[in-house]
N, C-alpha and C. Protein backbone atom coordinates (compact mmCIF):
# COMPACT_ATOMS: atom_id res chain seq x y z
N UNK A 1 -33.84 -7.16 5.20
CA UNK A 1 -32.85 -7.65 4.21
C UNK A 1 -31.49 -7.17 4.71
N UNK A 2 -30.46 -8.16 4.83
CA UNK A 2 -29.26 -7.78 5.27
C UNK A 2 -28.61 -6.87 4.24
N UNK A 3 -27.64 -6.08 4.60
CA UNK A 3 -27.00 -5.33 3.56
C UNK A 3 -25.58 -6.33 3.41
N UNK A 4 -25.12 -6.16 2.25
CA UNK A 4 -23.74 -6.82 1.81
C UNK A 4 -22.72 -6.65 2.71
N UNK A 5 -22.53 -5.60 3.20
CA UNK A 5 -21.47 -5.23 4.31
C UNK A 5 -21.74 -6.00 5.52
N UNK A 6 -22.84 -5.97 6.00
CA UNK A 6 -23.05 -6.70 7.20
C UNK A 6 -23.10 -8.18 7.14
N UNK A 7 -23.45 -8.60 5.94
CA UNK A 7 -23.48 -10.10 5.64
C UNK A 7 -21.99 -10.48 5.60
N UNK A 8 -21.10 -9.81 5.00
CA UNK A 8 -19.74 -10.00 4.74
C UNK A 8 -19.05 -10.02 6.30
N UNK A 9 -19.30 -9.08 6.93
CA UNK A 9 -18.83 -8.98 8.41
C UNK A 9 -19.26 -10.16 9.12
N UNK A 10 -20.40 -10.62 9.11
CA UNK A 10 -21.03 -11.73 9.95
C UNK A 10 -20.51 -13.13 9.41
N UNK A 11 -20.13 -13.40 8.21
CA UNK A 11 -19.76 -14.52 7.63
C UNK A 11 -18.44 -14.76 7.10
N UNK A 12 -17.53 -13.63 7.21
CA UNK A 12 -16.20 -13.81 6.61
C UNK A 12 -15.35 -14.93 7.30
N UNK A 13 -14.44 -15.63 6.42
CA UNK A 13 -13.79 -16.78 6.75
C UNK A 13 -12.44 -16.69 5.89
N UNK A 14 -11.58 -17.35 6.55
CA UNK A 14 -10.09 -17.46 5.89
C UNK A 14 -9.66 -18.89 5.80
N UNK A 15 -8.77 -19.08 4.82
CA UNK A 15 -8.13 -20.27 4.45
C UNK A 15 -6.59 -20.20 4.99
N UNK A 16 -6.01 -21.28 5.41
CA UNK A 16 -4.74 -21.01 5.71
C UNK A 16 -3.76 -20.58 4.61
N UNK A 17 -4.11 -20.77 3.40
CA UNK A 17 -3.25 -20.25 2.40
C UNK A 17 -3.36 -18.60 2.11
N UNK A 18 -4.52 -18.20 2.53
CA UNK A 18 -4.79 -16.74 2.22
C UNK A 18 -3.84 -15.96 3.25
N UNK A 19 -3.49 -16.34 4.41
CA UNK A 19 -2.53 -15.44 5.07
C UNK A 19 -1.29 -15.35 4.43
N UNK A 20 -0.79 -16.25 3.93
CA UNK A 20 0.58 -16.14 3.08
C UNK A 20 0.28 -15.30 1.88
N UNK A 21 -0.87 -15.47 1.25
CA UNK A 21 -0.91 -14.63 0.10
C UNK A 21 -1.08 -13.21 0.29
N UNK A 22 -1.86 -12.82 1.44
CA UNK A 22 -1.99 -11.50 1.95
C UNK A 22 -0.69 -10.87 2.23
N UNK A 23 0.21 -11.59 3.02
CA UNK A 23 1.38 -11.11 3.29
C UNK A 23 2.46 -10.85 2.30
N UNK A 24 2.32 -11.77 1.25
CA UNK A 24 3.03 -11.67 -0.13
C UNK A 24 2.62 -10.30 -0.76
N UNK A 25 1.30 -10.36 -0.83
CA UNK A 25 0.63 -9.18 -1.74
C UNK A 25 1.04 -7.74 -1.08
N UNK A 26 0.94 -7.69 0.36
CA UNK A 26 1.08 -6.54 1.03
C UNK A 26 2.69 -6.20 1.41
N UNK A 27 3.31 -7.23 1.06
CA UNK A 27 4.82 -7.05 1.34
C UNK A 27 5.03 -6.97 2.82
N UNK A 28 4.36 -7.89 3.73
CA UNK A 28 4.52 -7.74 5.15
C UNK A 28 4.69 -9.08 5.58
N UNK A 29 4.86 -9.20 6.99
CA UNK A 29 5.18 -10.31 7.71
C UNK A 29 4.19 -10.30 9.05
N UNK A 30 2.81 -10.23 8.78
CA UNK A 30 1.76 -10.05 9.92
C UNK A 30 1.38 -11.43 10.32
N UNK A 31 1.05 -11.44 11.44
CA UNK A 31 0.39 -12.70 12.12
C UNK A 31 -0.87 -12.88 11.59
N UNK A 32 -1.46 -13.97 11.72
CA UNK A 32 -2.80 -14.36 11.34
C UNK A 32 -3.83 -13.61 11.99
N UNK A 33 -3.54 -13.40 13.32
CA UNK A 33 -4.41 -12.49 13.99
C UNK A 33 -4.63 -10.98 13.64
N UNK A 34 -3.39 -10.52 13.32
CA UNK A 34 -3.17 -9.16 12.89
C UNK A 34 -3.87 -8.87 11.50
N UNK A 35 -3.69 -9.85 10.58
CA UNK A 35 -4.30 -9.92 9.30
C UNK A 35 -5.89 -9.89 9.43
N UNK A 36 -6.40 -10.66 10.22
CA UNK A 36 -7.84 -10.59 10.46
C UNK A 36 -8.34 -9.28 11.06
N UNK A 37 -7.55 -8.66 11.98
CA UNK A 37 -7.93 -7.50 12.55
C UNK A 37 -7.86 -6.45 11.48
N UNK A 38 -6.89 -6.33 10.59
CA UNK A 38 -6.66 -5.32 9.63
C UNK A 38 -7.92 -5.44 8.51
N UNK A 39 -8.31 -6.66 8.21
CA UNK A 39 -9.35 -6.93 7.22
C UNK A 39 -10.57 -6.41 7.74
N UNK A 40 -10.92 -6.83 9.01
CA UNK A 40 -12.06 -6.40 9.67
C UNK A 40 -12.26 -4.90 9.85
N UNK A 41 -11.09 -4.22 10.17
CA UNK A 41 -11.03 -2.67 10.14
C UNK A 41 -11.37 -2.21 8.80
N UNK A 42 -10.68 -2.57 7.82
CA UNK A 42 -11.00 -2.20 6.37
C UNK A 42 -12.42 -2.31 5.98
N UNK A 43 -13.00 -3.37 6.33
CA UNK A 43 -14.40 -3.70 5.79
C UNK A 43 -15.27 -2.65 6.65
N UNK A 44 -15.08 -2.67 7.98
CA UNK A 44 -15.81 -1.79 8.82
C UNK A 44 -15.83 -0.27 8.45
N UNK A 45 -14.57 0.23 8.08
CA UNK A 45 -14.46 1.58 7.74
C UNK A 45 -14.83 1.84 6.35
N UNK A 46 -15.01 0.98 5.47
CA UNK A 46 -15.24 1.25 3.97
C UNK A 46 -16.87 1.35 3.87
N UNK A 47 -17.33 2.41 3.19
CA UNK A 47 -18.71 2.65 2.89
C UNK A 47 -19.06 1.66 1.90
N UNK A 48 -20.37 1.31 1.99
CA UNK A 48 -20.96 0.27 1.34
C UNK A 48 -21.08 0.60 -0.22
N UNK A 49 -21.03 1.93 -0.43
CA UNK A 49 -20.92 2.43 -1.89
C UNK A 49 -19.58 1.94 -2.57
N UNK A 50 -18.58 1.64 -1.78
CA UNK A 50 -17.22 1.10 -2.19
C UNK A 50 -17.24 -0.37 -2.39
N UNK A 51 -18.35 -1.07 -2.17
CA UNK A 51 -18.38 -2.47 -2.28
C UNK A 51 -18.95 -2.80 -3.61
N UNK A 52 -18.25 -3.62 -4.46
CA UNK A 52 -18.67 -3.83 -5.80
C UNK A 52 -18.63 -5.18 -6.06
N UNK A 53 -19.89 -5.83 -6.47
CA UNK A 53 -19.99 -7.21 -6.71
C UNK A 53 -19.92 -7.43 -8.13
N UNK A 54 -18.88 -8.17 -8.52
CA UNK A 54 -18.96 -8.53 -10.01
C UNK A 54 -18.68 -10.15 -10.01
N UNK A 55 -19.59 -10.79 -10.71
CA UNK A 55 -19.73 -12.22 -10.86
C UNK A 55 -19.72 -12.78 -9.43
N UNK A 56 -18.83 -13.63 -9.18
CA UNK A 56 -18.71 -14.42 -7.91
C UNK A 56 -17.99 -13.74 -6.64
N UNK A 57 -17.39 -12.54 -7.21
CA UNK A 57 -16.44 -11.83 -6.19
C UNK A 57 -17.17 -10.30 -5.79
N UNK A 58 -16.64 -10.09 -4.53
CA UNK A 58 -17.00 -8.74 -4.13
C UNK A 58 -15.67 -8.08 -3.86
N UNK A 59 -15.51 -6.93 -4.48
CA UNK A 59 -14.41 -5.99 -4.36
C UNK A 59 -14.72 -4.75 -3.48
N UNK A 60 -13.86 -4.75 -2.32
CA UNK A 60 -13.88 -3.75 -1.41
C UNK A 60 -12.69 -2.80 -1.55
N UNK A 61 -13.01 -1.45 -1.80
CA UNK A 61 -12.04 -0.54 -2.14
C UNK A 61 -11.94 0.42 -0.99
N UNK A 62 -10.83 0.49 -0.36
CA UNK A 62 -10.69 1.57 0.69
C UNK A 62 -9.54 2.40 0.28
N UNK A 63 -9.87 3.74 -0.27
CA UNK A 63 -8.81 4.43 -0.54
C UNK A 63 -7.98 5.16 0.53
N UNK A 64 -8.54 5.29 1.56
CA UNK A 64 -7.85 5.88 2.79
C UNK A 64 -6.66 4.90 3.23
N UNK A 65 -6.97 3.61 3.19
CA UNK A 65 -5.86 2.72 3.47
C UNK A 65 -5.15 2.21 2.30
N UNK A 66 -5.46 2.52 1.15
CA UNK A 66 -4.84 2.11 -0.15
C UNK A 66 -4.79 0.54 -0.31
N UNK A 67 -6.03 0.04 -0.13
CA UNK A 67 -6.11 -1.43 -0.22
C UNK A 67 -7.52 -1.73 -0.94
N UNK A 68 -7.39 -2.95 -1.62
CA UNK A 68 -8.70 -3.48 -2.15
C UNK A 68 -8.75 -4.86 -1.72
N UNK A 69 -9.90 -5.33 -1.16
CA UNK A 69 -10.10 -6.66 -0.73
C UNK A 69 -10.88 -7.33 -1.73
N UNK A 70 -10.65 -8.77 -1.92
CA UNK A 70 -11.49 -9.51 -2.87
C UNK A 70 -12.01 -10.69 -2.02
N UNK A 71 -13.37 -10.74 -2.05
CA UNK A 71 -14.14 -11.73 -1.30
C UNK A 71 -15.01 -12.62 -2.09
N UNK A 72 -15.03 -13.95 -2.00
CA UNK A 72 -15.99 -14.73 -2.65
C UNK A 72 -17.25 -14.51 -2.17
N UNK A 73 -18.43 -14.10 -2.98
CA UNK A 73 -19.68 -13.71 -2.61
C UNK A 73 -20.54 -14.95 -2.11
N UNK A 74 -20.07 -16.22 -2.47
CA UNK A 74 -20.74 -17.18 -2.12
C UNK A 74 -20.46 -17.99 -0.85
N UNK A 75 -19.06 -17.89 -0.48
CA UNK A 75 -18.50 -18.52 0.57
C UNK A 75 -18.20 -17.57 1.62
N UNK A 76 -17.97 -16.36 1.18
CA UNK A 76 -17.46 -15.26 2.08
C UNK A 76 -16.08 -15.43 2.59
N UNK A 77 -15.28 -16.14 1.83
CA UNK A 77 -13.89 -16.29 1.97
C UNK A 77 -13.10 -15.24 1.50
N UNK A 78 -12.28 -14.67 2.18
CA UNK A 78 -11.25 -13.67 1.73
C UNK A 78 -10.28 -14.30 0.72
N UNK A 79 -10.29 -13.79 -0.58
CA UNK A 79 -9.31 -14.26 -1.50
C UNK A 79 -8.09 -13.62 -1.42
N UNK A 80 -8.00 -12.26 -1.43
CA UNK A 80 -6.73 -11.51 -1.33
C UNK A 80 -6.87 -10.20 -1.06
N UNK A 81 -5.74 -9.56 -0.68
CA UNK A 81 -5.74 -8.05 -0.46
C UNK A 81 -4.72 -7.46 -1.48
N UNK A 82 -5.03 -6.34 -2.05
CA UNK A 82 -3.97 -5.76 -2.99
C UNK A 82 -3.93 -4.35 -2.62
N UNK A 83 -2.64 -3.75 -2.80
CA UNK A 83 -2.45 -2.25 -2.75
C UNK A 83 -3.04 -1.67 -3.95
N UNK A 84 -3.58 -0.57 -3.86
CA UNK A 84 -4.05 0.11 -4.92
C UNK A 84 -2.89 0.90 -5.53
N UNK A 85 -3.05 1.09 -6.94
CA UNK A 85 -1.91 1.69 -7.67
C UNK A 85 -2.28 3.04 -7.87
């Protein structure tokens, strides 16, 4: 049985609109490749105990980077990235 973390790493995907949303939410102007690199790093660095599945979404909270990712658990599409308050 695959772990949720490994499943997300293997299947994560992005839409064109999500890059703009992430830049807006993180108040940045990163390239699409840089966003994918950061998202991949956050997922890899985060312990699976910080992956929380609620309904159709998975929330990945990385306190060291002060970021929370939201990923659709059915399509494995990244929905957004938010700074922690």
